[in-house]
C-alpha atoms as a PDB file:
ATOM      1  CA  MET A   1      98.210 -75.229 389.232  1.00  0.00           C
ATOM      2  CA  LYS A   2      96.031 -75.370 386.490  1.00  0.00           C
ATOM      3  CA  GLY A   3      94.380 -72.386 387.481  1.00  0.00           C
ATOM      4  CA  LYS A   4      97.362 -70.516 387.641  1.00  0.00           C
ATOM      5  CA  TYR A   5      98.492 -71.161 383.713  1.00  0.00           C
ATOM      6  CA  LEU A   6      95.182 -70.886 382.787  1.00  0.00           C
ATOM      7  CA  ARG A   7      95.070 -67.306 383.955  1.00  0.00           C
ATOM      8  CA  ARG A   8      98.303 -65.996 382.367  1.00  0.00           C
ATOM      9  CA  ILE A   9      96.744 -68.178 379.377  1.00  0.00           C
ATOM     10  CA  GLY A  10      93.588 -65.423 379.723  1.00  0.00           C
ATOM     11  CA  GLY A  11      96.098 -62.599 380.708  1.00  0.00           C
ATOM     12  CA  LEU A  12      97.814 -62.996 376.960  1.00  0.00           C
ATOM     13  CA  ILE A  13      94.919 -63.614 374.785  1.00  0.00           C
ATOM     14  CA  LEU A  14      93.151 -60.131 376.500  1.00  0.00           C
ATOM     15  CA  THR A  15      96.714 -58.541 375.968  1.00  0.00           C
ATOM     16  CA  ALA A  16      96.800 -59.819 372.522  1.00  0.00           C
ATOM     17  CA  LEU A  17      92.984 -58.880 371.677  1.00  0.00           C
ATOM     18  CA  LEU A  18      93.634 -55.246 373.217  1.00  0.00           C
ATOM     19  CA  LEU A  19      96.402 -54.530 371.289  1.00  0.00           C
ATOM     20  CA  THR A  20      94.884 -55.562 368.587  1.00  0.00           C
ATOM     21  CA  GLY A  21      91.931 -53.378 368.903  1.00  0.00           C
ATOM     22  CA  ILE A  22      94.249 -50.278 369.231  1.00  0.00           C
ATOM     23  CA  ALA A  23      96.112 -50.898 366.393  1.00  0.00           C
ATOM     24  CA  PHE A  24      92.558 -50.900 364.324  1.00  0.00           C
ATOM     25  CA  VAL A  25      91.201 -47.531 366.153  1.00  0.00           C
ATOM     26  CA  SER A  26      94.296 -45.697 365.980  1.00  0.00           C
ATOM     27  CA  PRO A  27      94.980 -43.534 362.547  1.00  0.00           C
ATOM     28  CA  SER A  28      97.693 -44.349 359.793  1.00  0.00           C
ATOM     29  CA  GLU A  29     100.284 -42.256 359.194  1.00  0.00           C
ATOM     30  CA  ALA A  30      98.984 -41.550 355.760  1.00  0.00           C
ATOM     31  CA  GLN A  31      95.680 -40.290 357.068  1.00  0.00           C
ATOM     32  CA  ALA A  32      97.332 -38.111 359.417  1.00  0.00           C
ATOM     33  CA  GLN A  33      99.115 -36.633 356.888  1.00  0.00           C
ATOM     34  CA  HIS A  34      96.232 -35.661 354.594  1.00  0.00           C
ATOM     35  CA  ARG A  35      94.510 -34.034 356.917  1.00  0.00           C
ATOM     36  CA  ARG A  36      97.026 -31.559 357.206  1.00  0.00           C
ATOM     37  CA  GLY A  37      96.454 -29.048 354.272  1.00  0.00           C
ATOM     38  CA  ARG A  38      93.066 -28.245 355.123  1.00  0.00           C
ATOM     39  CA  VAL A  39      91.200 -25.227 357.202  1.00  0.00           C
ATOM     40  CA  VAL A  40      88.313 -25.708 359.039  1.00  0.00           C
ATOM     41  CA  ILE A  41      86.186 -22.304 359.560  1.00  0.00           C
ATOM     42  CA  VAL A  42      82.912 -22.742 362.354  1.00  0.00           C
ATOM     43  CA  ARG A  43      79.823 -20.703 362.218  1.00  0.00           C
ATOM     44  CA  PRO A  44      76.981 -21.363 364.914  1.00  0.00           C
ATOM     45  CA  ILE A  45      74.128 -22.096 363.583  1.00  0.00           C
ATOM     46  CA  HIS A  46      71.092 -20.338 364.908  1.00  0.00           C
ATOM     47  CA  ARG A  47      67.820 -21.749 365.582  1.00  0.00           C
ATOM     48  CA  PRO A  48      64.875 -19.902 367.402  1.00  0.00           C
ATOM     49  CA  PHE A  49      63.832 -20.266 371.119  1.00  0.00           C
ATOM     50  CA  GLY A  50      66.206 -23.409 371.891  1.00  0.00           C
ATOM     51  CA  PHE A  51      64.843 -25.829 369.723  1.00  0.00           C
ATOM     52  CA  ARG A  52      66.960 -28.029 367.303  1.00  0.00           C
ATOM     53  CA  ARG A  53      65.673 -30.273 364.517  1.00  0.00           C
ATOM     54  CA  TRP A  54      61.982 -32.253 365.089  1.00  0.00           C
ATOM     55  CA  GLY A  55      61.026 -29.486 367.825  1.00  0.00           C
ATOM     56  CA  TYR A  56      63.416 -31.176 370.391  1.00  0.00           C
ATOM     57  CA  PRO A  57      64.070 -28.559 372.686  1.00  0.00           C
ATOM     58  CA  TRP A  58      67.600 -28.189 373.667  1.00  0.00           C
ATOM     59  CA  ALA A  59      68.439 -31.553 371.937  1.00  0.00           C
ATOM     60  CA  TYR A  60      71.773 -33.584 372.127  1.00  0.00           C
ATOM     61  CA  GLY A  61      73.079 -36.027 369.285  1.00  0.00           C
ATOM     62  CA  PRO A  62      74.041 -35.134 365.953  1.00  0.00           C
ATOM     63  CA  TRP A  63      71.802 -32.232 365.854  1.00  0.00           C
ATOM     64  CA  GLY A  64      72.500 -30.556 369.322  1.00  0.00           C
ATOM     65  CA  PRO A  65      74.846 -27.762 370.836  1.00  0.00           C
ATOM     66  CA  TYR A  66      77.497 -30.467 370.698  1.00  0.00           C
ATOM     67  CA  GLY A  67      77.474 -32.399 367.962  1.00  0.00           C
ATOM     68  CA  GLY A  68      76.176 -30.684 364.600  1.00  0.00           C
ATOM     69  CA  TYR A  69      76.002 -27.421 366.147  1.00  0.00           C
ATOM     70  CA  TYR A  70      78.420 -25.905 364.130  1.00  0.00           C
ATOM     71  CA  ASN A  71      78.930 -25.780 360.012  1.00  0.00           C
ATOM     72  CA  ARG A  72      82.519 -26.386 358.737  1.00  0.00           C
ATOM     73  CA  TYR A  73      84.381 -25.539 356.225  1.00  0.00           C
ATOM     74  CA  VAL A  74      87.244 -27.494 354.686  1.00  0.00           C
ATOM     75  CA  PHE A  75      89.277 -26.605 352.169  1.00  0.00           C
ATOM     76  CA  ASP A  76      91.591 -29.080 350.257  1.00  0.00           C
ATOM     77  CA  ASN A  77      92.973 -25.826 348.588  1.00  0.00           C
ATOM     78  CA  SER A  78      93.565 -21.957 348.679  1.00  0.00           C
ATOM     79  CA  ASP A  79      91.528 -21.329 344.812  1.00  0.00           C
ATOM     80  CA  ASP A  80      88.091 -22.974 346.968  1.00  0.00           C
ATOM     81  CA  ALA A  81      89.140 -20.937 350.113  1.00  0.00           C
ATOM     82  CA  VAL A  82      89.442 -18.001 348.387  1.00  0.00           C
ATOM     83  CA  LYS A  83      86.165 -18.270 346.656  1.00  0.00           C
ATOM     84  CA  GLN A  84      83.732 -19.372 349.370  1.00  0.00           C
ATOM     85  CA  ALA A  85      85.506 -16.120 351.414  1.00  0.00           C
ATOM     86  CA  TYR A  86      84.657 -14.085 348.212  1.00  0.00           C
ATOM     87  CA  LYS A  87      81.018 -15.600 348.551  1.00  0.00           C
ATOM     88  CA  ASP A  88      80.453 -14.889 352.395  1.00  0.00           C
ATOM     89  CA  GLY A  89      82.529 -11.262 352.246  1.00  0.00           C
ATOM     90  CA  PHE A  90      79.983 -10.217 349.570  1.00  0.00           C
ATOM     91  CA  LYS A  91      76.905 -10.996 351.611  1.00  0.00           C
ATOM     92  CA  THR A  92      78.454  -9.786 354.600  1.00  0.00           C
ATOM     93  CA  GLY A  93      79.590  -6.564 352.693  1.00  0.00           C
ATOM     94  CA  LYS A  94      75.966  -6.233 350.681  1.00  0.00           C
ATOM     95  CA  ASP A  95      73.910  -6.451 354.349  1.00  0.00           C
ATOM     96  CA  ASP A  96      76.369  -3.799 356.071  1.00  0.00           C
ATOM     97  CA  GLY A  97      75.756  -1.844 353.084  1.00  0.00           C
ATOM     98  CA  LYS A  98      71.950  -1.800 353.037  1.00  0.00           C
ATOM     99  CA  LYS A  99      71.873  -0.717 356.621  1.00  0.00           C
ATOM    100  CA  ALA A 100      74.249   1.825 356.236  1.00  0.00           C
ATOM    101  CA  LYS A 101      76.706   0.298 358.879  1.00  0.00           C
ATOM    102  CA  SER A 102      80.346   1.559 358.982  1.00  0.00           C
ATOM    103  CA  TYR A 103      83.050  -0.557 356.635  1.00  0.00           C
ATOM    104  CA  SER A 104      84.507  -2.828 358.540  1.00  0.00           C
ATOM    105  CA  PRO A 105      85.499  -6.303 357.397  1.00  0.00           C
ATOM    106  CA  GLU A 106      86.989  -7.106 360.589  1.00  0.00           C
ATOM    107  CA  ARG A 107      83.751  -6.923 362.487  1.00  0.00           C
ATOM    108  CA  SER A 108      82.660 -10.082 360.698  1.00  0.00           C
ATOM    109  CA  HIS A 109      82.982 -13.581 362.591  1.00  0.00           C
ATOM    110  CA  TYR A 110      84.019 -14.705 359.089  1.00  0.00           C
ATOM    111  CA  PHE A 111      86.997 -12.763 359.423  1.00  0.00           C
ATOM    112  CA  LYS A 112      87.969 -13.285 362.944  1.00  0.00           C
ATOM    113  CA  GLU A 113      87.265 -17.097 363.055  1.00  0.00           C
ATOM    114  CA  SER A 114      89.711 -17.410 359.774  1.00  0.00           C
ATOM    115  CA  GLY A 115      92.654 -16.855 362.023  1.00  0.00           C
ATOM    116  CA  PHE A 116      93.897 -20.530 362.004  1.00  0.00           C
ATOM    117  CA  GLY A 117      94.566 -23.296 359.333  1.00  0.00           C
ATOM    118  CA  ASN A 118      97.124 -22.498 356.006  1.00  0.00           C
ATOM    119  CA  PHE A 119      94.634 -21.125 354.048  1.00  0.00           C
ATOM    120  CA  ALA A 120      93.752 -18.667 356.681  1.00  0.00           C
ATOM    121  CA  GLU A 121      95.367 -15.825 354.677  1.00  0.00           C
ATOM    122  CA  GLU A 122      93.830 -16.510 351.407  1.00  0.00           C
ATOM    123  CA  TYR A 123      90.833 -16.748 353.031  1.00  0.00           C
ATOM    124  CA  ARG A 124      90.751 -13.569 354.818  1.00  0.00           C
ATOM    125  CA  SER A 125      92.128 -11.259 351.581  1.00  0.00           C
ATOM    126  CA  GLY A 126      89.171 -12.671 349.352  1.00  0.00           C
ATOM    127  CA  PHE A 127      86.910 -11.754 352.049  1.00  0.00           C
ATOM    128  CA  ALA A 128      88.116  -8.488 352.012  1.00  0.00           C
ATOM    129  CA  GLN A 129      87.459  -8.489 348.547  1.00  0.00           C
ATOM    130  CA  GLY A 130      84.080  -9.717 348.462  1.00  0.00           C
ATOM    131  CA  TYR A 131      83.495  -7.368 351.081  1.00  0.00           C
ATOM    132  CA  GLN A 132      84.385  -4.349 349.087  1.00  0.00           C
ATOM    133  CA  GLU A 133      82.423  -5.146 346.457  1.00  0.00           C
ATOM    134  CA  GLY A 134      79.440  -6.244 348.389  1.00  0.00           C
ATOM    135  CA  TYR A 135      79.561  -3.290 350.533  1.00  0.00           C
ATOM    136  CA  ARG A 136      79.353  -0.919 347.134  1.00  0.00           C
ATOM    137  CA  VAL A 137      76.453  -2.631 345.689  1.00  0.00           C
ATOM    138  CA  GLY A 138      74.664  -2.635 348.978  1.00  0.00           C
ATOM    139  CA  ALA A 139      75.168   1.251 349.157  1.00  0.00           C
ATOM    140  CA  ASP A 140      74.217   1.805 346.064  1.00  0.00           C
ATOM    141  CA  ASP A 141      70.846  -0.373 346.343  1.00  0.00           C
ATOM    142  CA  ARG A 142      70.040   1.467 349.384  1.00  0.00           C
ATOM    143  CA  ALA A 143      70.710   5.009 347.914  1.00  0.00           C
ATOM    144  CA  ARG A 144      67.999   3.793 344.688  1.00  0.00           C
ATOM    145  CA  LYS A 145      65.707   3.230 347.612  1.00  0.00           C
ATOM    146  CA  GLU A 146      65.958   6.469 349.405  1.00  0.00           C
ATOM    147  CA  ARG A 147      65.875   8.600 345.634  1.00  0.00           C
ATOM    148  CA  ALA A 148      62.554   6.021 344.513  1.00  0.00           C
ATOM    149  CA  GLY A 149      60.570   6.412 347.976  1.00  0.00           C
END
């Protein structure tokens, strides 16, 4: 008889602890609403020969392919998205202009991977503007080098 009651009491205590743990771990409603206005843009990090930090080949953990393998852009507002997009576009356009590649901002992975979130259009417009100005600067640099050398 005593074992039967002890099992029930133990089950109730275990259930109470489990529910308390679930309530503790689950995010609150305020946190879920706070994350709604952000955009994450993912870029792979290239490390040659399969090596990660500290020389460990094919490492797992925060520095491996499943942990911190991707850089992420997180924007709180559209101004931050446009500023970062302009920088990325200018750099990409300048490199393409120097290498005499065709003018195509849509070719870039920055442009392709910005297609999610609520600041994607702002990011793409800032990227296109930066790409245009960077491409012009890169083409001018290339022409100047050709004339000089």
